[in-house]
Amino acid sequence: MTDNWVKAFQSEQMIRAEIAREILEQNGIAAVIVDKKDSSYPIFGMYEVHVPASDLSQAQTIISNEGALNETE
């Protein structure tokens, strides 16, 4: 795994991050969720979906075209 991983999506809700990860993987883009929530104060922080840097632009296009993820939290 020599790729640098970068953030393609973030959400305060774990389910939205899981949906984004699944959509990206269905489109052939490797994706992982990074939990940036504070363990003591869970109201702070986000769930981030990271992809290889080489796939970032395609991942952002896929996410922006996905209606379920465009709704406000």
PDB file of N, CA and C in Angstrom:
ATOM      1  N   MET A   1       0.848  -1.167   0.000  1.00  0.00           N
ATOM      2  CA  MET A   1       0.000   0.000   0.000  1.00  0.00           C
ATOM      3  C   MET A   1       0.895   1.232   0.000  1.00  0.00           C
ATOM      4  N   THR A   2       1.269   1.680  -1.187  1.00  0.00           N
ATOM      5  CA  THR A   2       2.177   2.809  -1.296  1.00  0.00           C
ATOM      6  C   THR A   2       1.457   4.127  -1.546  1.00  0.00           C
ATOM      7  N   ASP A   3       0.152   4.067  -1.810  1.00  0.00           N
ATOM      8  CA  ASP A   3      -0.609   5.297  -2.044  1.00  0.00           C
ATOM      9  C   ASP A   3      -0.731   6.116  -0.770  1.00  0.00           C
ATOM     10  N   ASN A   4      -0.744   7.429  -0.950  1.00  0.00           N
ATOM     11  CA  ASN A   4      -1.117   8.309   0.163  1.00  0.00           C
ATOM     12  C   ASN A   4      -2.633   8.382   0.170  1.00  0.00           C
ATOM     13  N   TRP A   5      -3.217   8.333   1.349  1.00  0.00           N
ATOM     14  CA  TRP A   5      -4.663   8.371   1.478  1.00  0.00           C
ATOM     15  C   TRP A   5      -5.091   9.776   1.868  1.00  0.00           C
ATOM     16  N   VAL A   6      -6.183  10.241   1.281  1.00  0.00           N
ATOM     17  CA  VAL A   6      -6.679  11.584   1.531  1.00  0.00           C
ATOM     18  C   VAL A   6      -8.179  11.537   1.816  1.00  0.00           C
ATOM     19  N   LYS A   7      -8.665  12.564   2.495  1.00  0.00           N
ATOM     20  CA  LYS A   7     -10.084  12.639   2.862  1.00  0.00           C
ATOM     21  C   LYS A   7     -10.912  13.018   1.636  1.00  0.00           C
ATOM     22  N   ALA A   8     -11.938  12.214   1.371  1.00  0.00           N
ATOM     23  CA  ALA A   8     -12.844  12.490   0.261  1.00  0.00           C
ATOM     24  C   ALA A   8     -14.222  12.917   0.749  1.00  0.00           C
ATOM     25  N   PHE A   9     -14.559  12.569   1.999  1.00  0.00           N
ATOM     26  CA  PHE A   9     -15.896  12.859   2.536  1.00  0.00           C
ATOM     27  C   PHE A   9     -15.815  12.856   4.050  1.00  0.00           C
ATOM     28  N   GLN A  10     -16.668  13.648   4.685  1.00  0.00           N
ATOM     29  CA  GLN A  10     -16.753  13.622   6.148  1.00  0.00           C
ATOM     30  C   GLN A  10     -18.184  13.864   6.577  1.00  0.00           C
ATOM     31  N   SER A  11     -18.532  13.309   7.732  1.00  0.00           N
ATOM     32  CA  SER A  11     -19.878  13.458   8.269  1.00  0.00           C
ATOM     33  C   SER A  11     -19.834  13.280   9.782  1.00  0.00           C
ATOM     34  N   GLU A  12     -20.794  13.869  10.455  1.00  0.00           N
ATOM     35  CA  GLU A  12     -20.931  13.653  11.891  1.00  0.00           C
ATOM     36  C   GLU A  12     -21.622  12.329  12.174  1.00  0.00           C
ATOM     37  N   GLN A  13     -22.256  11.740  11.161  1.00  0.00           N
ATOM     38  CA  GLN A  13     -23.015  10.504  11.323  1.00  0.00           C
ATOM     39  C   GLN A  13     -22.264   9.325  10.709  1.00  0.00           C
ATOM     40  N   MET A  14     -22.066   8.287  11.501  1.00  0.00           N
ATOM     41  CA  MET A  14     -21.353   7.097  11.035  1.00  0.00           C
ATOM     42  C   MET A  14     -22.057   6.450   9.845  1.00  0.00           C
ATOM     43  N   ILE A  15     -23.384   6.415   9.853  1.00  0.00           N
ATOM     44  CA  ILE A  15     -24.123   5.749   8.783  1.00  0.00           C
ATOM     45  C   ILE A  15     -23.876   6.428   7.441  1.00  0.00           C
ATOM     46  N   ARG A  16     -23.770   7.745   7.431  1.00  0.00           N
ATOM     47  CA  ARG A  16     -23.501   8.467   6.170  1.00  0.00           C
ATOM     48  C   ARG A  16     -22.095   8.170   5.668  1.00  0.00           C
ATOM     49  N   ALA A  17     -21.139   8.055   6.575  1.00  0.00           N
ATOM     50  CA  ALA A  17     -19.781   7.682   6.179  1.00  0.00           C
ATOM     51  C   ALA A  17     -19.761   6.261   5.617  1.00  0.00           C
ATOM     52  N   GLU A  18     -20.518   5.357   6.225  1.00  0.00           N
ATOM     53  CA  GLU A  18     -20.596   3.971   5.731  1.00  0.00           C
ATOM     54  C   GLU A  18     -21.227   3.925   4.342  1.00  0.00           C
ATOM     55  N   ILE A  19     -22.251   4.732   4.125  1.00  0.00           N
ATOM     56  CA  ILE A  19     -22.894   4.785   2.806  1.00  0.00           C
ATOM     57  C   ILE A  19     -21.901   5.286   1.766  1.00  0.00           C
ATOM     58  N   ALA A  20     -21.163   6.349   2.087  1.00  0.00           N
ATOM     59  CA  ALA A  20     -20.177   6.894   1.155  1.00  0.00           C
ATOM     60  C   ALA A  20     -19.106   5.851   0.837  1.00  0.00           C
ATOM     61  N   ARG A  21     -18.620   5.157   1.867  1.00  0.00           N
ATOM     62  CA  ARG A  21     -17.600   4.136   1.652  1.00  0.00           C
ATOM     63  C   ARG A  21     -18.119   3.031   0.747  1.00  0.00           C
ATOM     64  N   GLU A  22     -19.329   2.584   0.997  1.00  0.00           N
ATOM     65  CA  GLU A  22     -19.913   1.507   0.199  1.00  0.00           C
ATOM     66  C   GLU A  22     -20.100   1.938  -1.256  1.00  0.00           C
ATOM     67  N   ILE A  23     -20.582   3.150  -1.478  1.00  0.00           N
ATOM     68  CA  ILE A  23     -20.775   3.655  -2.846  1.00  0.00           C
ATOM     69  C   ILE A  23     -19.443   3.704  -3.577  1.00  0.00           C
ATOM     70  N   LEU A  24     -18.409   4.186  -2.905  1.00  0.00           N
ATOM     71  CA  LEU A  24     -17.091   4.261  -3.543  1.00  0.00           C
ATOM     72  C   LEU A  24     -16.573   2.867  -3.874  1.00  0.00           C
ATOM     73  N   GLU A  25     -16.721   1.932  -2.961  1.00  0.00           N
ATOM     74  CA  GLU A  25     -16.236   0.575  -3.214  1.00  0.00           C
ATOM     75  C   GLU A  25     -17.019  -0.099  -4.335  1.00  0.00           C
ATOM     76  N   GLN A  26     -18.308   0.191  -4.453  1.00  0.00           N
ATOM     77  CA  GLN A  26     -19.105  -0.353  -5.561  1.00  0.00           C
ATOM     78  C   GLN A  26     -18.639   0.198  -6.903  1.00  0.00           C
ATOM     79  N   ASN A  27     -17.998   1.366  -6.870  1.00  0.00           N
ATOM     80  CA  ASN A  27     -17.468   1.986  -8.083  1.00  0.00           C
ATOM     81  C   ASN A  27     -15.984   1.700  -8.272  1.00  0.00           C
ATOM     82  N   GLY A  28     -15.454   0.748  -7.536  1.00  0.00           N
ATOM     83  CA  GLY A  28     -14.078   0.309  -7.732  1.00  0.00           C
ATOM     84  C   GLY A  28     -13.019   1.160  -7.062  1.00  0.00           C
ATOM     85  N   ILE A  29     -13.406   1.981  -6.089  1.00  0.00           N
ATOM     86  CA  ILE A  29     -12.445   2.832  -5.384  1.00  0.00           C
ATOM     87  C   ILE A  29     -12.298   2.318  -3.950  1.00  0.00           C
ATOM     88  N   ALA A  30     -11.079   1.981  -3.568  1.00  0.00           N
ATOM     89  CA  ALA A  30     -10.824   1.544  -2.195  1.00  0.00           C
ATOM     90  C   ALA A  30     -11.112   2.711  -1.256  1.00  0.00           C
ATOM     91  N   ALA A  31     -11.777   2.429  -0.145  1.00  0.00           N
ATOM     92  CA  ALA A  31     -12.124   3.491   0.806  1.00  0.00           C
ATOM     93  C   ALA A  31     -12.116   2.930   2.223  1.00  0.00           C
ATOM     94  N   VAL A  32     -11.706   3.762   3.167  1.00  0.00           N
ATOM     95  CA  VAL A  32     -11.714   3.390   4.577  1.00  0.00           C
ATOM     96  C   VAL A  32     -12.317   4.532   5.379  1.00  0.00           C
ATOM     97  N   ILE A  33     -12.898   4.189   6.517  1.00  0.00           N
ATOM     98  CA  ILE A  33     -13.462   5.204   7.410  1.00  0.00           C
ATOM     99  C   ILE A  33     -12.475   5.443   8.543  1.00  0.00           C
ATOM    100  N   VAL A  34     -12.200   6.712   8.791  1.00  0.00           N
ATOM    101  CA  VAL A  34     -11.332   7.106   9.897  1.00  0.00           C
ATOM    102  C   VAL A  34     -12.207   7.818  10.925  1.00  0.00           C
ATOM    103  N   ASP A  35     -12.232   7.281  12.137  1.00  0.00           N
ATOM    104  CA  ASP A  35     -13.057   7.834  13.208  1.00  0.00           C
ATOM    105  C   ASP A  35     -12.280   8.948  13.907  1.00  0.00           C
ATOM    106  N   LYS A  36     -12.688  10.190  13.657  1.00  0.00           N
ATOM    107  CA  LYS A  36     -12.044  11.344  14.276  1.00  0.00           C
ATOM    108  C   LYS A  36     -12.887  11.907  15.420  1.00  0.00           C
ATOM    109  N   LYS A  37     -13.877  11.126  15.872  1.00  0.00           N
ATOM    110  CA  LYS A  37     -14.710  11.555  16.991  1.00  0.00           C
ATOM    111  C   LYS A  37     -13.897  11.514  18.276  1.00  0.00           C
ATOM    112  N   ASP A  38     -14.106  12.482  19.130  1.00  0.00           N
ATOM    113  CA  ASP A  38     -13.449  12.520  20.432  1.00  0.00           C
ATOM    114  C   ASP A  38     -14.073  11.444  21.315  1.00  0.00           C
ATOM    115  N   SER A  39     -13.252  10.603  21.926  1.00  0.00           N
ATOM    116  CA  SER A  39     -13.790   9.503  22.729  1.00  0.00           C
ATOM    117  C   SER A  39     -14.432   9.991  24.031  1.00  0.00           C
ATOM    118  N   SER A  40     -13.994  11.105  24.548  1.00  0.00           N
ATOM    119  CA  SER A  40     -14.570  11.624  25.793  1.00  0.00           C
ATOM    120  C   SER A  40     -15.785  12.503  25.543  1.00  0.00           C
ATOM    121  N   TYR A  41     -15.770  13.233  24.436  1.00  0.00           N
ATOM    122  CA  TYR A  41     -16.856  14.152  24.092  1.00  0.00           C
ATOM    123  C   TYR A  41     -17.288  13.871  22.658  1.00  0.00           C
ATOM    124  N   PRO A  42     -18.155  12.887  22.452  1.00  0.00           N
ATOM    125  CA  PRO A  42     -18.493  12.459  21.094  1.00  0.00           C
ATOM    126  C   PRO A  42     -19.230  13.496  20.250  1.00  0.00           C
ATOM    127  N   ILE A  43     -19.597  14.622  20.825  1.00  0.00           N
ATOM    128  CA  ILE A  43     -20.220  15.659  19.999  1.00  0.00           C
ATOM    129  C   ILE A  43     -19.169  16.394  19.164  1.00  0.00           C
ATOM    130  N   PHE A  44     -17.904  16.174  19.477  1.00  0.00           N
ATOM    131  CA  PHE A  44     -16.813  16.803  18.725  1.00  0.00           C
ATOM    132  C   PHE A  44     -16.198  15.793  17.772  1.00  0.00           C
ATOM    133  N   GLY A  45     -15.912  16.250  16.562  1.00  0.00           N
ATOM    134  CA  GLY A  45     -15.223  15.407  15.605  1.00  0.00           C
ATOM    135  C   GLY A  45     -16.142  14.873  14.521  1.00  0.00           C
ATOM    136  N   MET A  46     -15.523  14.183  13.572  1.00  0.00           N
ATOM    137  CA  MET A  46     -16.236  13.687  12.396  1.00  0.00           C
ATOM    138  C   MET A  46     -15.770  12.280  12.059  1.00  0.00           C
ATOM    139  N   TYR A  47     -16.559  11.628  11.225  1.00  0.00           N
ATOM    140  CA  TYR A  47     -16.142  10.394  10.579  1.00  0.00           C
ATOM    141  C   TYR A  47     -15.674  10.799   9.184  1.00  0.00           C
ATOM    142  N   GLU A  48     -14.482  10.379   8.810  1.00  0.00           N
ATOM    143  CA  GLU A  48     -13.923  10.743   7.516  1.00  0.00           C
ATOM    144  C   GLU A  48     -13.768   9.496   6.651  1.00  0.00           C
ATOM    145  N   VAL A  49     -14.069   9.648   5.360  1.00  0.00           N
ATOM    146  CA  VAL A  49     -13.848   8.577   4.392  1.00  0.00           C
ATOM    147  C   VAL A  49     -12.601   8.954   3.605  1.00  0.00           C
ATOM    148  N   HIS A  50     -11.597   8.085   3.661  1.00  0.00           N
ATOM    149  CA  HIS A  50     -10.336   8.334   2.974  1.00  0.00           C
ATOM    150  C   HIS A  50     -10.200   7.387   1.785  1.00  0.00           C
ATOM    151  N   VAL A  51      -9.607   7.910   0.709  1.00  0.00           N
ATOM    152  CA  VAL A  51      -9.348   7.144  -0.507  1.00  0.00           C
ATOM    153  C   VAL A  51      -7.900   7.381  -0.931  1.00  0.00           C
ATOM    154  N   PRO A  52      -7.351   6.511  -1.790  1.00  0.00           N
ATOM    155  CA  PRO A  52      -6.006   6.784  -2.305  1.00  0.00           C
ATOM    156  C   PRO A  52      -5.992   8.128  -3.050  1.00  0.00           C
ATOM    157  N   ALA A  53      -4.914   8.871  -2.907  1.00  0.00           N
ATOM    158  CA  ALA A  53      -4.814  10.205  -3.512  1.00  0.00           C
ATOM    159  C   ALA A  53      -5.042  10.153  -5.019  1.00  0.00           C
ATOM    160  N   SER A  54      -4.629   9.073  -5.651  1.00  0.00           N
ATOM    161  CA  SER A  54      -4.788   8.952  -7.102  1.00  0.00           C
ATOM    162  C   SER A  54      -6.260   8.836  -7.521  1.00  0.00           C
ATOM    163  N   ASP A  55      -7.147   8.469  -6.592  1.00  0.00           N
ATOM    164  CA  ASP A  55      -8.576   8.315  -6.897  1.00  0.00           C
ATOM    165  C   ASP A  55      -9.435   9.452  -6.359  1.00  0.00           C
ATOM    166  N   LEU A  56      -8.814  10.471  -5.783  1.00  0.00           N
ATOM    167  CA  LEU A  56      -9.577  11.528  -5.105  1.00  0.00           C
ATOM    168  C   LEU A  56     -10.570  12.224  -6.022  1.00  0.00           C
ATOM    169  N   SER A  57     -10.157  12.650  -7.189  1.00  0.00           N
ATOM    170  CA  SER A  57     -11.061  13.412  -8.045  1.00  0.00           C
ATOM    171  C   SER A  57     -12.246  12.580  -8.499  1.00  0.00           C
ATOM    172  N   GLN A  58     -12.019  11.317  -8.839  1.00  0.00           N
ATOM    173  CA  GLN A  58     -13.119  10.431  -9.216  1.00  0.00           C
ATOM    174  C   GLN A  58     -14.041  10.191  -8.024  1.00  0.00           C
ATOM    175  N   ALA A  59     -13.475  10.003  -6.839  1.00  0.00           N
ATOM    176  CA  ALA A  59     -14.271   9.773  -5.630  1.00  0.00           C
ATOM    177  C   ALA A  59     -15.153  10.982  -5.321  1.00  0.00           C
ATOM    178  N   GLN A  60     -14.609  12.177  -5.429  1.00  0.00           N
ATOM    179  CA  GLN A  60     -15.392  13.382  -5.156  1.00  0.00           C
ATOM    180  C   GLN A  60     -16.526  13.548  -6.160  1.00  0.00           C
ATOM    181  N   THR A  61     -16.273  13.187  -7.411  1.00  0.00           N
ATOM    182  CA  THR A  61     -17.320  13.257  -8.434  1.00  0.00           C
ATOM    183  C   THR A  61     -18.445  12.283  -8.114  1.00  0.00           C
ATOM    184  N   ILE A  62     -18.094  11.061  -7.755  1.00  0.00           N
ATOM    185  CA  ILE A  62     -19.098  10.048  -7.415  1.00  0.00           C
ATOM    186  C   ILE A  62     -19.921  10.498  -6.216  1.00  0.00           C
ATOM    187  N   ILE A  63     -19.260  10.994  -5.186  1.00  0.00           N
ATOM    188  CA  ILE A  63     -19.969  11.429  -3.972  1.00  0.00           C
ATOM    189  C   ILE A  63     -20.873  12.626  -4.257  1.00  0.00           C
ATOM    190  N   SER A  64     -20.392  13.570  -5.045  1.00  0.00           N
ATOM    191  CA  SER A  64     -21.213  14.760  -5.330  1.00  0.00           C
ATOM    192  C   SER A  64     -22.435  14.419  -6.177  1.00  0.00           C
ATOM    193  N   ASN A  65     -22.348  13.343  -6.964  1.00  0.00           N
ATOM    194  CA  ASN A  65     -23.487  12.931  -7.791  1.00  0.00           C
ATOM    195  C   ASN A  65     -24.449  12.012  -7.048  1.00  0.00           C
ATOM    196  N   GLU A  66     -24.118  11.624  -5.846  1.00  0.00           N
ATOM    197  CA  GLU A  66     -24.963  10.724  -5.066  1.00  0.00           C
ATOM    198  C   GLU A  66     -25.956  11.530  -4.237  1.00  0.00           C
ATOM    199  N   GLY A  67     -27.209  11.475  -4.600  1.00  0.00           N
ATOM    200  CA  GLY A  67     -28.256  12.267  -3.963  1.00  0.00           C
ATOM    201  C   GLY A  67     -28.405  12.022  -2.471  1.00  0.00           C
ATOM    202  N   ALA A  68     -28.236  10.798  -2.030  1.00  0.00           N
ATOM    203  CA  ALA A  68     -28.427  10.467  -0.612  1.00  0.00           C
ATOM    204  C   ALA A  68     -27.410  11.159   0.283  1.00  0.00           C
ATOM    205  N   LEU A  69     -26.247  11.510  -0.257  1.00  0.00           N
ATOM    206  CA  LEU A  69     -25.215  12.147   0.548  1.00  0.00           C
ATOM    207  C   LEU A  69     -25.228  13.664   0.448  1.00  0.00           C
ATOM    208  N   ASN A  70     -26.037  14.217  -0.422  1.00  0.00           N
ATOM    209  CA  ASN A  70     -26.087  15.670  -0.605  1.00  0.00           C
ATOM    210  C   ASN A  70     -27.003  16.365   0.388  1.00  0.00           C
ATOM    211  N   GLU A  71     -27.836  15.580   1.085  1.00  0.00           N
ATOM    212  CA  GLU A  71     -28.747  16.181   2.059  1.00  0.00           C
ATOM    213  C   GLU A  71     -27.965  16.716   3.247  1.00  0.00           C
ATOM    214  N   THR A  72     -28.471  17.771   3.843  1.00  0.00           N
ATOM    215  CA  THR A  72     -27.799  18.340   5.008  1.00  0.00           C
ATOM    216  C   THR A  72     -28.026  17.461   6.225  1.00  0.00           C
ATOM    217  N   GLU A  73     -27.087  17.513   7.146  1.00  0.00           N
ATOM    218  CA  GLU A  73     -27.174  16.679   8.348  1.00  0.00           C
ATOM    219  C   GLU A  73     -28.039  17.346   9.389  1.00  0.00           C
TER     220      GLU A  73
END
